[in-house]
Amino acid sequence: MKTILIAAATSLALAAAPAAAFAGDKDHGKGKYASHSKAHKQAYKQAKHADKQARKMWRQGERLPATYITQRYYVAEPARYSLAPAPYGYQYVRVDDQIYLAQTQTGLISQVISSLLR
């Protein structure tokens, strides 16, 4: 009888040990890759949101997001599109098939040039 009780107690203790090890683990045993997965999902959501923004067509008086007020989106050679040089403090910004004349400090759109790229 004692051997049966000892065997039952031992097997119960061995079964409870792994469960106790993961009790404080927020990732439920996934380790370092759980946070990587969360970061990947968050980056995907941000990229999806940025893609929706890129398809938006802004109007005069609206502000372009700061993402687009960077060298990457500036029109390097306005003359190529038959545009006059941008005034001081302004840049021509190309987003998809639209060109906007926007203030570099605020992103405020002063002119929308859409027919040049079609």
PDB file of N, CA and C in Angstrom:
ATOM      1  N   MET A   1       0.814  -1.185   0.000  1.00  0.00           N
ATOM      2  CA  MET A   1       0.000   0.000   0.000  1.00  0.00           C
ATOM      3  C   MET A   1       0.861   1.253   0.000  1.00  0.00           C
ATOM      4  N   LYS A   2       1.955   1.225   0.790  1.00  0.00           N
ATOM      5  CA  LYS A   2       2.846   2.377   0.841  1.00  0.00           C
ATOM      6  C   LYS A   2       3.472   2.637  -0.519  1.00  0.00           C
ATOM      7  N   THR A   3       3.838   1.593  -1.243  1.00  0.00           N
ATOM      8  CA  THR A   3       4.466   1.773  -2.558  1.00  0.00           C
ATOM      9  C   THR A   3       3.505   2.414  -3.547  1.00  0.00           C
ATOM     10  N   ILE A   4       2.247   2.074  -3.475  1.00  0.00           N
ATOM     11  CA  ILE A   4       1.272   2.669  -4.382  1.00  0.00           C
ATOM     12  C   ILE A   4       1.110   4.156  -4.064  1.00  0.00           C
ATOM     13  N   LEU A   5       1.051   4.505  -2.808  1.00  0.00           N
ATOM     14  CA  LEU A   5       0.929   5.911  -2.407  1.00  0.00           C
ATOM     15  C   LEU A   5       2.178   6.708  -2.796  1.00  0.00           C
ATOM     16  N   ILE A   6       3.353   6.119  -2.609  1.00  0.00           N
ATOM     17  CA  ILE A   6       4.599   6.805  -2.963  1.00  0.00           C
ATOM     18  C   ILE A   6       4.671   7.002  -4.478  1.00  0.00           C
ATOM     19  N   ALA A   7       4.289   5.987  -5.235  1.00  0.00           N
ATOM     20  CA  ALA A   7       4.315   6.085  -6.696  1.00  0.00           C
ATOM     21  C   ALA A   7       3.314   7.143  -7.181  1.00  0.00           C
ATOM     22  N   ALA A   8       2.143   7.187  -6.573  1.00  0.00           N
ATOM     23  CA  ALA A   8       1.137   8.173  -6.959  1.00  0.00           C
ATOM     24  C   ALA A   8       1.606   9.588  -6.607  1.00  0.00           C
ATOM     25  N   ALA A   9       2.186   9.778  -5.466  1.00  0.00           N
ATOM     26  CA  ALA A   9       2.686  11.089  -5.042  1.00  0.00           C
ATOM     27  C   ALA A   9       3.838  11.545  -5.933  1.00  0.00           C
ATOM     28  N   THR A  10       4.718  10.618  -6.303  1.00  0.00           N
ATOM     29  CA  THR A  10       5.853  10.949  -7.164  1.00  0.00           C
ATOM     30  C   THR A  10       5.380  11.362  -8.555  1.00  0.00           C
ATOM     31  N   SER A  11       4.459  10.607  -9.130  1.00  0.00           N
ATOM     32  CA  SER A  11       3.972  10.937 -10.469  1.00  0.00           C
ATOM     33  C   SER A  11       3.199  12.259 -10.463  1.00  0.00           C
ATOM     34  N   LEU A  12       2.473  12.541  -9.380  1.00  0.00           N
ATOM     35  CA  LEU A  12       1.768  13.814  -9.266  1.00  0.00           C
ATOM     36  C   LEU A  12       2.756  14.981  -9.174  1.00  0.00           C
ATOM     37  N   ALA A  13       3.827  14.802  -8.413  1.00  0.00           N
ATOM     38  CA  ALA A  13       4.837  15.846  -8.279  1.00  0.00           C
ATOM     39  C   ALA A  13       5.555  16.093  -9.603  1.00  0.00           C
ATOM     40  N   LEU A  14       5.842  15.038 -10.338  1.00  0.00           N
ATOM     41  CA  LEU A  14       6.522  15.182 -11.630  1.00  0.00           C
ATOM     42  C   LEU A  14       5.617  15.843 -12.671  1.00  0.00           C
ATOM     43  N   ALA A  15       4.342  15.578 -12.612  1.00  0.00           N
ATOM     44  CA  ALA A  15       3.403  16.177 -13.557  1.00  0.00           C
ATOM     45  C   ALA A  15       3.176  17.655 -13.245  1.00  0.00           C
ATOM     46  N   ALA A  16       3.242  18.053 -11.998  1.00  0.00           N
ATOM     47  CA  ALA A  16       2.985  19.429 -11.597  1.00  0.00           C
ATOM     48  C   ALA A  16       4.197  20.332 -11.815  1.00  0.00           C
ATOM     49  N   ALA A  17       5.398  19.786 -11.874  1.00  0.00           N
ATOM     50  CA  ALA A  17       6.617  20.586 -12.002  1.00  0.00           C
ATOM     51  C   ALA A  17       6.656  21.395 -13.302  1.00  0.00           C
ATOM     52  N   PRO A  18       6.388  20.823 -14.496  1.00  0.00           N
ATOM     53  CA  PRO A  18       6.424  21.642 -15.709  1.00  0.00           C
ATOM     54  C   PRO A  18       5.336  22.721 -15.728  1.00  0.00           C
ATOM     55  N   ALA A  19       4.194  22.431 -15.186  1.00  0.00           N
ATOM     56  CA  ALA A  19       3.116  23.423 -15.143  1.00  0.00           C
ATOM     57  C   ALA A  19       3.527  24.607 -14.273  1.00  0.00           C
ATOM     58  N   ALA A  20       4.213  24.344 -13.173  1.00  0.00           N
ATOM     59  CA  ALA A  20       4.673  25.417 -12.294  1.00  0.00           C
ATOM     60  C   ALA A  20       5.760  26.242 -12.967  1.00  0.00           C
ATOM     61  N   ALA A  21       6.572  25.626 -13.810  1.00  0.00           N
ATOM     62  CA  ALA A  21       7.645  26.337 -14.494  1.00  0.00           C
ATOM     63  C   ALA A  21       7.083  27.370 -15.472  1.00  0.00           C
ATOM     64  N   PHE A  22       5.973  27.074 -16.120  1.00  0.00           N
ATOM     65  CA  PHE A  22       5.378  27.992 -17.079  1.00  0.00           C
ATOM     66  C   PHE A  22       4.338  28.920 -16.459  1.00  0.00           C
ATOM     67  N   ALA A  23       4.080  28.809 -15.175  1.00  0.00           N
ATOM     68  CA  ALA A  23       3.039  29.615 -14.544  1.00  0.00           C
ATOM     69  C   ALA A  23       3.361  31.103 -14.628  1.00  0.00           C
ATOM     70  N   GLY A  24       4.634  31.492 -14.486  1.00  0.00           N
ATOM     71  CA  GLY A  24       5.009  32.896 -14.538  1.00  0.00           C
ATOM     72  C   GLY A  24       5.398  33.357 -15.928  1.00  0.00           C
ATOM     73  N   ASP A  25       5.390  32.495 -16.904  1.00  0.00           N
ATOM     74  CA  ASP A  25       5.808  32.819 -18.262  1.00  0.00           C
ATOM     75  C   ASP A  25       4.647  33.441 -19.032  1.00  0.00           C
ATOM     76  N   LYS A  26       4.755  34.716 -19.347  1.00  0.00           N
ATOM     77  CA  LYS A  26       3.679  35.409 -20.053  1.00  0.00           C
ATOM     78  C   LYS A  26       3.550  34.945 -21.498  1.00  0.00           C
ATOM     79  N   ASP A  27       4.629  34.438 -22.065  1.00  0.00           N
ATOM     80  CA  ASP A  27       4.609  34.000 -23.452  1.00  0.00           C
ATOM     81  C   ASP A  27       4.155  32.557 -23.603  1.00  0.00           C
ATOM     82  N   HIS A  28       3.824  31.926 -22.492  1.00  0.00           N
ATOM     83  CA  HIS A  28       3.321  30.550 -22.489  1.00  0.00           C
ATOM     84  C   HIS A  28       4.273  29.589 -23.191  1.00  0.00           C
ATOM     85  N   GLY A  29       5.553  29.724 -22.861  1.00  0.00           N
ATOM     86  CA  GLY A  29       6.523  28.784 -23.390  1.00  0.00           C
ATOM     87  C   GLY A  29       7.046  29.119 -24.766  1.00  0.00           C
ATOM     88  N   LYS A  30       6.671  30.258 -25.332  1.00  0.00           N
ATOM     89  CA  LYS A  30       7.129  30.600 -26.674  1.00  0.00           C
ATOM     90  C   LYS A  30       8.498  31.269 -26.651  1.00  0.00           C
ATOM     91  N   GLY A  31       8.922  31.710 -25.469  1.00  0.00           N
ATOM     92  CA  GLY A  31      10.251  32.275 -25.325  1.00  0.00           C
ATOM     93  C   GLY A  31      10.424  33.601 -26.032  1.00  0.00           C
ATOM     94  N   LYS A  32      11.627  33.804 -26.552  1.00  0.00           N
ATOM     95  CA  LYS A  32      11.972  35.093 -27.155  1.00  0.00           C
ATOM     96  C   LYS A  32      11.225  35.370 -28.449  1.00  0.00           C
ATOM     97  N   TYR A  33      10.661  34.350 -29.076  1.00  0.00           N
ATOM     98  CA  TYR A  33       9.999  34.539 -30.364  1.00  0.00           C
ATOM     99  C   TYR A  33       8.593  35.127 -30.233  1.00  0.00           C
ATOM    100  N   ALA A  34       8.019  35.078 -29.050  1.00  0.00           N
ATOM    101  CA  ALA A  34       6.682  35.631 -28.861  1.00  0.00           C
ATOM    102  C   ALA A  34       6.698  37.146 -29.059  1.00  0.00           C
ATOM    103  N   SER A  35       7.708  37.827 -28.520  1.00  0.00           N
ATOM    104  CA  SER A  35       7.775  39.279 -28.690  1.00  0.00           C
ATOM    105  C   SER A  35       8.092  39.623 -30.138  1.00  0.00           C
ATOM    106  N   HIS A  36       8.864  38.786 -30.818  1.00  0.00           N
ATOM    107  CA  HIS A  36       9.165  39.000 -32.235  1.00  0.00           C
ATOM    108  C   HIS A  36       7.877  38.930 -33.053  1.00  0.00           C
ATOM    109  N   SER A  37       7.040  37.968 -32.718  1.00  0.00           N
ATOM    110  CA  SER A  37       5.771  37.811 -33.434  1.00  0.00           C
ATOM    111  C   SER A  37       4.888  39.038 -33.220  1.00  0.00           C
ATOM    112  N   LYS A  38       4.865  39.564 -31.998  1.00  0.00           N
ATOM    113  CA  LYS A  38       4.062  40.756 -31.709  1.00  0.00           C
ATOM    114  C   LYS A  38       4.593  41.956 -32.492  1.00  0.00           C
ATOM    115  N   ALA A  39       5.909  42.097 -32.544  1.00  0.00           N
ATOM    116  CA  ALA A  39       6.502  43.214 -33.282  1.00  0.00           C
ATOM    117  C   ALA A  39       6.208  43.092 -34.771  1.00  0.00           C
ATOM    118  N   HIS A  40       6.238  41.873 -35.282  1.00  0.00           N
ATOM    119  CA  HIS A  40       5.951  41.644 -36.699  1.00  0.00           C
ATOM    120  C   HIS A  40       4.505  42.023 -37.025  1.00  0.00           C
ATOM    121  N   LYS A  41       3.571  41.631 -36.162  1.00  0.00           N
ATOM    122  CA  LYS A  41       2.161  41.961 -36.374  1.00  0.00           C
ATOM    123  C   LYS A  41       1.946  43.478 -36.335  1.00  0.00           C
ATOM    124  N   GLN A  42       2.627  44.149 -35.397  1.00  0.00           N
ATOM    125  CA  GLN A  42       2.480  45.592 -35.278  1.00  0.00           C
ATOM    126  C   GLN A  42       3.056  46.288 -36.519  1.00  0.00           C
ATOM    127  N   ALA A  43       4.197  45.835 -37.004  1.00  0.00           N
ATOM    128  CA  ALA A  43       4.795  46.425 -38.205  1.00  0.00           C
ATOM    129  C   ALA A  43       3.893  46.215 -39.416  1.00  0.00           C
ATOM    130  N   TYR A  44       3.257  45.059 -39.495  1.00  0.00           N
ATOM    131  CA  TYR A  44       2.345  44.777 -40.602  1.00  0.00           C
ATOM    132  C   TYR A  44       1.151  45.724 -40.573  1.00  0.00           C
ATOM    133  N   LYS A  45       0.605  45.959 -39.376  1.00  0.00           N
ATOM    134  CA  LYS A  45      -0.536  46.870 -39.252  1.00  0.00           C
ATOM    135  C   LYS A  45      -0.147  48.294 -39.644  1.00  0.00           C
ATOM    136  N   GLN A  46       1.050  48.726 -39.237  1.00  0.00           N
ATOM    137  CA  GLN A  46       1.503  50.067 -39.578  1.00  0.00           C
ATOM    138  C   GLN A  46       1.706  50.211 -41.085  1.00  0.00           C
ATOM    139  N   ALA A  47       2.274  49.193 -41.714  1.00  0.00           N
ATOM    140  CA  ALA A  47       2.495  49.240 -43.157  1.00  0.00           C
ATOM    141  C   ALA A  47       1.167  49.262 -43.899  1.00  0.00           C
ATOM    142  N   LYS A  48       0.208  48.500 -43.413  1.00  0.00           N
ATOM    143  CA  LYS A  48      -1.109  48.473 -44.038  1.00  0.00           C
ATOM    144  C   LYS A  48      -1.773  49.846 -43.929  1.00  0.00           C
ATOM    145  N   HIS A  49      -1.617  50.499 -42.770  1.00  0.00           N
ATOM    146  CA  HIS A  49      -2.174  51.831 -42.559  1.00  0.00           C
ATOM    147  C   HIS A  49      -1.486  52.841 -43.475  1.00  0.00           C
ATOM    148  N   ALA A  50      -0.171  52.756 -43.606  1.00  0.00           N
ATOM    149  CA  ALA A  50       0.571  53.679 -44.470  1.00  0.00           C
ATOM    150  C   ALA A  50       0.164  53.490 -45.923  1.00  0.00           C
ATOM    151  N   ASP A  51      -0.115  52.247 -46.314  1.00  0.00           N
ATOM    152  CA  ASP A  51      -0.541  51.976 -47.684  1.00  0.00           C
ATOM    153  C   ASP A  51      -1.889  52.646 -47.958  1.00  0.00           C
ATOM    154  N   LYS A  52      -2.789  52.618 -46.991  1.00  0.00           N
ATOM    155  CA  LYS A  52      -4.083  53.279 -47.161  1.00  0.00           C
ATOM    156  C   LYS A  52      -3.900  54.786 -47.264  1.00  0.00           C
ATOM    157  N   GLN A  53      -2.948  55.329 -46.484  1.00  0.00           N
ATOM    158  CA  GLN A  53      -2.687  56.763 -46.543  1.00  0.00           C
ATOM    159  C   GLN A  53      -2.140  57.150 -47.904  1.00  0.00           C
ATOM    160  N   ALA A  54      -1.303  56.308 -48.488  1.00  0.00           N
ATOM    161  CA  ALA A  54      -0.695  56.634 -49.772  1.00  0.00           C
ATOM    162  C   ALA A  54      -1.751  56.720 -50.873  1.00  0.00           C
ATOM    163  N   ARG A  55      -2.832  56.027 -50.735  1.00  0.00           N
ATOM    164  CA  ARG A  55      -3.886  56.059 -51.749  1.00  0.00           C
ATOM    165  C   ARG A  55      -4.831  57.241 -51.569  1.00  0.00           C
ATOM    166  N   LYS A  56      -4.701  57.921 -50.468  1.00  0.00           N
ATOM    167  CA  LYS A  56      -5.564  59.075 -50.206  1.00  0.00           C
ATOM    168  C   LYS A  56      -5.125  60.231 -51.094  1.00  0.00           C
ATOM    169  N   MET A  57      -6.086  60.982 -51.571  1.00  0.00           N
ATOM    170  CA  MET A  57      -5.786  62.171 -52.363  1.00  0.00           C
ATOM    171  C   MET A  57      -6.135  63.386 -51.507  1.00  0.00           C
ATOM    172  N   TRP A  58      -5.126  64.188 -51.199  1.00  0.00           N
ATOM    173  CA  TRP A  58      -5.341  65.359 -50.374  1.00  0.00           C
ATOM    174  C   TRP A  58      -5.753  66.542 -51.241  1.00  0.00           C
ATOM    175  N   ARG A  59      -6.386  67.512 -50.613  1.00  0.00           N
ATOM    176  CA  ARG A  59      -6.837  68.716 -51.310  1.00  0.00           C
ATOM    177  C   ARG A  59      -6.072  69.931 -50.800  1.00  0.00           C
ATOM    178  N   GLN A  60      -6.209  71.005 -51.533  1.00  0.00           N
ATOM    179  CA  GLN A  60      -5.577  72.258 -51.137  1.00  0.00           C
ATOM    180  C   GLN A  60      -6.097  72.661 -49.760  1.00  0.00           C
ATOM    181  N   GLY A  61      -5.186  73.084 -48.891  1.00  0.00           N
ATOM    182  CA  GLY A  61      -5.552  73.488 -47.537  1.00  0.00           C
ATOM    183  C   GLY A  61      -5.398  72.380 -46.520  1.00  0.00           C
ATOM    184  N   GLU A  62      -5.302  71.131 -46.973  1.00  0.00           N
ATOM    185  CA  GLU A  62      -5.058  70.016 -46.049  1.00  0.00           C
ATOM    186  C   GLU A  62      -3.564  69.880 -45.814  1.00  0.00           C
ATOM    187  N   ARG A  63      -3.222  69.040 -44.859  1.00  0.00           N
ATOM    188  CA  ARG A  63      -1.806  68.823 -44.530  1.00  0.00           C
ATOM    189  C   ARG A  63      -1.387  67.410 -44.921  1.00  0.00           C
ATOM    190  N   LEU A  64      -0.234  67.331 -45.551  1.00  0.00           N
ATOM    191  CA  LEU A  64       0.345  66.021 -45.830  1.00  0.00           C
ATOM    192  C   LEU A  64       0.948  65.475 -44.542  1.00  0.00           C
ATOM    193  N   PRO A  65       0.880  64.175 -44.317  1.00  0.00           N
ATOM    194  CA  PRO A  65       1.549  63.605 -43.151  1.00  0.00           C
ATOM    195  C   PRO A  65       3.060  63.846 -43.220  1.00  0.00           C
ATOM    196  N   ALA A  66       3.685  63.950 -42.079  1.00  0.00           N
ATOM    197  CA  ALA A  66       5.127  64.220 -42.011  1.00  0.00           C
ATOM    198  C   ALA A  66       5.945  63.165 -42.746  1.00  0.00           C
ATOM    199  N   THR A  67       5.402  61.981 -42.899  1.00  0.00           N
ATOM    200  CA  THR A  67       6.086  60.909 -43.619  1.00  0.00           C
ATOM    201  C   THR A  67       6.455  61.337 -45.031  1.00  0.00           C
ATOM    202  N   TYR A  68       5.613  62.126 -45.654  1.00  0.00           N
ATOM    203  CA  TYR A  68       5.823  62.524 -47.036  1.00  0.00           C
ATOM    204  C   TYR A  68       6.633  63.814 -47.183  1.00  0.00           C
ATOM    205  N   ILE A  69       6.895  64.492 -46.102  1.00  0.00           N
ATOM    206  CA  ILE A  69       7.685  65.722 -46.174  1.00  0.00           C
ATOM    207  C   ILE A  69       9.139  65.350 -45.901  1.00  0.00           C
ATOM    208  N   THR A  70       9.690  64.523 -46.764  1.00  0.00           N
ATOM    209  CA  THR A  70      11.082  64.078 -46.674  1.00  0.00           C
ATOM    210  C   THR A  70      11.687  64.051 -48.072  1.00  0.00           C
ATOM    211  N   GLN A  71      12.994  63.974 -48.134  1.00  0.00           N
ATOM    212  CA  GLN A  71      13.717  63.959 -49.408  1.00  0.00           C
ATOM    213  C   GLN A  71      13.220  62.855 -50.337  1.00  0.00           C
ATOM    214  N   ARG A  72      12.808  61.758 -49.752  1.00  0.00           N
ATOM    215  CA  ARG A  72      12.380  60.604 -50.551  1.00  0.00           C
ATOM    216  C   ARG A  72      11.205  60.946 -51.482  1.00  0.00           C
ATOM    217  N   TYR A  73      10.323  61.834 -51.044  1.00  0.00           N
ATOM    218  CA  TYR A  73       9.119  62.158 -51.803  1.00  0.00           C
ATOM    219  C   TYR A  73       9.218  63.478 -52.563  1.00  0.00           C
ATOM    220  N   TYR A  74      10.295  64.234 -52.368  1.00  0.00           N
ATOM    221  CA  TYR A  74      10.440  65.509 -53.065  1.00  0.00           C
ATOM    222  C   TYR A  74      10.668  65.273 -54.553  1.00  0.00           C
ATOM    223  N   VAL A  75      10.135  66.160 -55.370  1.00  0.00           N
ATOM    224  CA  VAL A  75      10.385  66.131 -56.821  1.00  0.00           C
ATOM    225  C   VAL A  75      11.728  66.826 -57.026  1.00  0.00           C
ATOM    226  N   ALA A  76      12.728  66.068 -57.435  1.00  0.00           N
ATOM    227  CA  ALA A  76      14.083  66.600 -57.548  1.00  0.00           C
ATOM    228  C   ALA A  76      14.230  67.603 -58.685  1.00  0.00           C
ATOM    229  N   GLU A  77      13.565  67.358 -59.806  1.00  0.00           N
ATOM    230  CA  GLU A  77      13.675  68.237 -60.974  1.00  0.00           C
ATOM    231  C   GLU A  77      12.284  68.714 -61.402  1.00  0.00           C
ATOM    232  N   PRO A  78      11.792  69.795 -60.807  1.00  0.00           N
ATOM    233  CA  PRO A  78      10.461  70.287 -61.176  1.00  0.00           C
ATOM    234  C   PRO A  78      10.339  70.630 -62.665  1.00  0.00           C
ATOM    235  N   ALA A  79      11.418  71.079 -63.287  1.00  0.00           N
ATOM    236  CA  ALA A  79      11.378  71.450 -64.711  1.00  0.00           C
ATOM    237  C   ALA A  79      11.034  70.238 -65.581  1.00  0.00           C
ATOM    238  N   ARG A  80      11.366  69.075 -65.137  1.00  0.00           N
ATOM    239  CA  ARG A  80      11.042  67.849 -65.874  1.00  0.00           C
ATOM    240  C   ARG A  80       9.534  67.698 -66.069  1.00  0.00           C
ATOM    241  N   TYR A  81       8.761  68.230 -65.125  1.00  0.00           N
ATOM    242  CA  TYR A  81       7.298  68.170 -65.184  1.00  0.00           C
ATOM    243  C   TYR A  81       6.704  69.517 -65.609  1.00  0.00           C
ATOM    244  N   SER A  82       7.532  70.375 -66.168  1.00  0.00           N
ATOM    245  CA  SER A  82       7.124  71.724 -66.595  1.00  0.00           C
ATOM    246  C   SER A  82       6.601  72.558 -65.430  1.00  0.00           C
ATOM    247  N   LEU A  83       7.227  72.405 -64.279  1.00  0.00           N
ATOM    248  CA  LEU A  83       6.841  73.164 -63.097  1.00  0.00           C
ATOM    249  C   LEU A  83       7.866  74.263 -62.831  1.00  0.00           C
ATOM    250  N   ALA A  84       7.397  75.386 -62.347  1.00  0.00           N
ATOM    251  CA  ALA A  84       8.301  76.459 -61.926  1.00  0.00           C
ATOM    252  C   ALA A  84       9.016  76.011 -60.648  1.00  0.00           C
ATOM    253  N   PRO A  85      10.170  76.589 -60.382  1.00  0.00           N
ATOM    254  CA  PRO A  85      10.843  76.236 -59.122  1.00  0.00           C
ATOM    255  C   PRO A  85       9.935  76.538 -57.923  1.00  0.00           C
ATOM    256  N   ALA A  86      10.010  75.691 -56.924  1.00  0.00           N
ATOM    257  CA  ALA A  86       9.176  75.877 -55.731  1.00  0.00           C
ATOM    258  C   ALA A  86       9.634  77.112 -54.966  1.00  0.00           C
ATOM    259  N   PRO A  87       8.691  77.886 -54.429  1.00  0.00           N
ATOM    260  CA  PRO A  87       9.067  79.054 -53.620  1.00  0.00           C
ATOM    261  C   PRO A  87       9.851  78.630 -52.378  1.00  0.00           C
ATOM    262  N   TYR A  88      10.526  79.590 -51.772  1.00  0.00           N
ATOM    263  CA  TYR A  88      11.285  79.327 -50.560  1.00  0.00           C
ATOM    264  C   TYR A  88      10.360  78.765 -49.474  1.00  0.00           C
ATOM    265  N   GLY A  89      10.765  77.681 -48.853  1.00  0.00           N
ATOM    266  CA  GLY A  89       9.973  77.066 -47.787  1.00  0.00           C
ATOM    267  C   GLY A  89       8.958  76.054 -48.291  1.00  0.00           C
ATOM    268  N   TYR A  90       8.915  75.844 -49.592  1.00  0.00           N
ATOM    269  CA  TYR A  90       7.981  74.895 -50.204  1.00  0.00           C
ATOM    270  C   TYR A  90       8.762  73.849 -50.997  1.00  0.00           C
ATOM    271  N   GLN A  91       8.140  72.709 -51.206  1.00  0.00           N
ATOM    272  CA  GLN A  91       8.698  71.655 -52.060  1.00  0.00           C
ATOM    273  C   GLN A  91       7.557  71.000 -52.818  1.00  0.00           C
ATOM    274  N   TYR A  92       7.869  70.525 -54.005  1.00  0.00           N
ATOM    275  CA  TYR A  92       6.916  69.683 -54.712  1.00  0.00           C
ATOM    276  C   TYR A  92       7.078  68.287 -54.149  1.00  0.00           C
ATOM    277  N   VAL A  93       5.968  67.695 -53.739  1.00  0.00           N
ATOM    278  CA  VAL A  93       5.982  66.372 -53.115  1.00  0.00           C
ATOM    279  C   VAL A  93       5.163  65.438 -53.991  1.00  0.00           C
ATOM    280  N   ARG A  94       5.758  64.314 -54.341  1.00  0.00           N
ATOM    281  CA  ARG A  94       5.049  63.331 -55.170  1.00  0.00           C
ATOM    282  C   ARG A  94       4.611  62.154 -54.307  1.00  0.00           C
ATOM    283  N   VAL A  95       3.301  61.895 -54.319  1.00  0.00           N
ATOM    284  CA  VAL A  95       2.724  60.756 -53.617  1.00  0.00           C
ATOM    285  C   VAL A  95       1.852  60.029 -54.637  1.00  0.00           C
ATOM    286  N   ASP A  96       2.206  58.794 -54.927  1.00  0.00           N
ATOM    287  CA  ASP A  96       1.561  58.018 -55.986  1.00  0.00           C
ATOM    288  C   ASP A  96       1.631  58.815 -57.295  1.00  0.00           C
ATOM    289  N   ASP A  97       0.507  59.100 -57.928  1.00  0.00           N
ATOM    290  CA  ASP A  97       0.498  59.838 -59.181  1.00  0.00           C
ATOM    291  C   ASP A  97       0.110  61.303 -58.996  1.00  0.00           C
ATOM    292  N   GLN A  98       0.208  61.799 -57.797  1.00  0.00           N
ATOM    293  CA  GLN A  98      -0.148  63.183 -57.503  1.00  0.00           C
ATOM    294  C   GLN A  98       1.122  63.952 -57.140  1.00  0.00           C
ATOM    295  N   ILE A  99       1.151  65.208 -57.510  1.00  0.00           N
ATOM    296  CA  ILE A  99       2.211  66.107 -57.066  1.00  0.00           C
ATOM    297  C   ILE A  99       1.552  67.245 -56.306  1.00  0.00           C
ATOM    298  N   TYR A 100       2.093  67.536 -55.130  1.00  0.00           N
ATOM    299  CA  TYR A 100       1.559  68.591 -54.277  1.00  0.00           C
ATOM    300  C   TYR A 100       2.645  69.629 -54.044  1.00  0.00           C
ATOM    301  N   LEU A 101       2.280  70.896 -54.028  1.00  0.00           N
ATOM    302  CA  LEU A 101       3.182  71.940 -53.581  1.00  0.00           C
ATOM    303  C   LEU A 101       2.855  72.165 -52.115  1.00  0.00           C
ATOM    304  N   ALA A 102       3.793  71.812 -51.247  1.00  0.00           N
ATOM    305  CA  ALA A 102       3.512  71.850 -49.811  1.00  0.00           C
ATOM    306  C   ALA A 102       4.614  72.590 -49.053  1.00  0.00           C
ATOM    307  N   GLN A 103       4.223  73.212 -47.939  1.00  0.00           N
ATOM    308  CA  GLN A 103       5.198  73.848 -47.053  1.00  0.00           C
ATOM    309  C   GLN A 103       6.030  72.761 -46.394  1.00  0.00           C
ATOM    310  N   THR A 104       7.329  72.968 -46.328  1.00  0.00           N
ATOM    311  CA  THR A 104       8.191  71.943 -45.752  1.00  0.00           C
ATOM    312  C   THR A 104       8.096  71.889 -44.225  1.00  0.00           C
ATOM    313  N   GLN A 105       7.724  72.973 -43.584  1.00  0.00           N
ATOM    314  CA  GLN A 105       7.634  72.987 -42.124  1.00  0.00           C
ATOM    315  C   GLN A 105       6.339  72.366 -41.606  1.00  0.00           C
ATOM    316  N   THR A 106       5.229  72.635 -42.291  1.00  0.00           N
ATOM    317  CA  THR A 106       3.925  72.213 -41.775  1.00  0.00           C
ATOM    318  C   THR A 106       3.243  71.137 -42.605  1.00  0.00           C
ATOM    319  N   GLY A 107       3.646  70.989 -43.857  1.00  0.00           N
ATOM    320  CA  GLY A 107       2.976  70.033 -44.738  1.00  0.00           C
ATOM    321  C   GLY A 107       1.700  70.572 -45.347  1.00  0.00           C
ATOM    322  N   LEU A 108       1.406  71.857 -45.133  1.00  0.00           N
ATOM    323  CA  LEU A 108       0.193  72.477 -45.666  1.00  0.00           C
ATOM    324  C   LEU A 108       0.270  72.527 -47.197  1.00  0.00           C
ATOM    325  N   ILE A 109      -0.754  72.024 -47.852  1.00  0.00           N
ATOM    326  CA  ILE A 109      -0.776  71.959 -49.319  1.00  0.00           C
ATOM    327  C   ILE A 109      -1.296  73.284 -49.866  1.00  0.00           C
ATOM    328  N   SER A 110      -0.506  73.911 -50.728  1.00  0.00           N
ATOM    329  CA  SER A 110      -0.954  75.154 -51.338  1.00  0.00           C
ATOM    330  C   SER A 110      -1.429  74.939 -52.768  1.00  0.00           C
ATOM    331  N   GLN A 111      -1.008  73.828 -53.381  1.00  0.00           N
ATOM    332  CA  GLN A 111      -1.444  73.562 -54.747  1.00  0.00           C
ATOM    333  C   GLN A 111      -1.387  72.057 -55.007  1.00  0.00           C
ATOM    334  N   VAL A 112      -2.376  71.556 -55.757  1.00  0.00           N
ATOM    335  CA  VAL A 112      -2.416  70.153 -56.164  1.00  0.00           C
ATOM    336  C   VAL A 112      -2.235  70.109 -57.668  1.00  0.00           C
ATOM    337  N   ILE A 113      -1.216  69.381 -58.108  1.00  0.00           N
ATOM    338  CA  ILE A 113      -0.957  69.239 -59.539  1.00  0.00           C
ATOM    339  C   ILE A 113      -1.172  67.768 -59.864  1.00  0.00           C
ATOM    340  N   SER A 114      -2.278  67.456 -60.538  1.00  0.00           N
ATOM    341  CA  SER A 114      -2.604  66.047 -60.752  1.00  0.00           C
ATOM    342  C   SER A 114      -2.531  65.614 -62.212  1.00  0.00           C
ATOM    343  N   SER A 115      -2.673  66.519 -63.144  1.00  0.00           N
ATOM    344  CA  SER A 115      -2.778  66.127 -64.533  1.00  0.00           C
ATOM    345  C   SER A 115      -1.423  65.888 -65.205  1.00  0.00           C
ATOM    346  N   LEU A 116      -0.326  66.177 -64.547  1.00  0.00           N
ATOM    347  CA  LEU A 116       0.988  66.068 -65.163  1.00  0.00           C
ATOM    348  C   LEU A 116       1.458  64.636 -65.363  1.00  0.00           C
ATOM    349  N   LEU A 117       0.991  63.728 -64.541  1.00  0.00           N
ATOM    350  CA  LEU A 117       1.527  62.378 -64.569  1.00  0.00           C
ATOM    351  C   LEU A 117       0.655  61.406 -65.319  1.00  0.00           C
ATOM    352  N   ARG A 118      -0.422  61.855 -65.892  1.00  0.00           N
ATOM    353  CA  ARG A 118      -1.344  60.926 -66.560  1.00  0.00           C
ATOM    354  C   ARG A 118      -1.094  60.816 -68.023  1.00  0.00           C
TER     355      ARG A 118
END
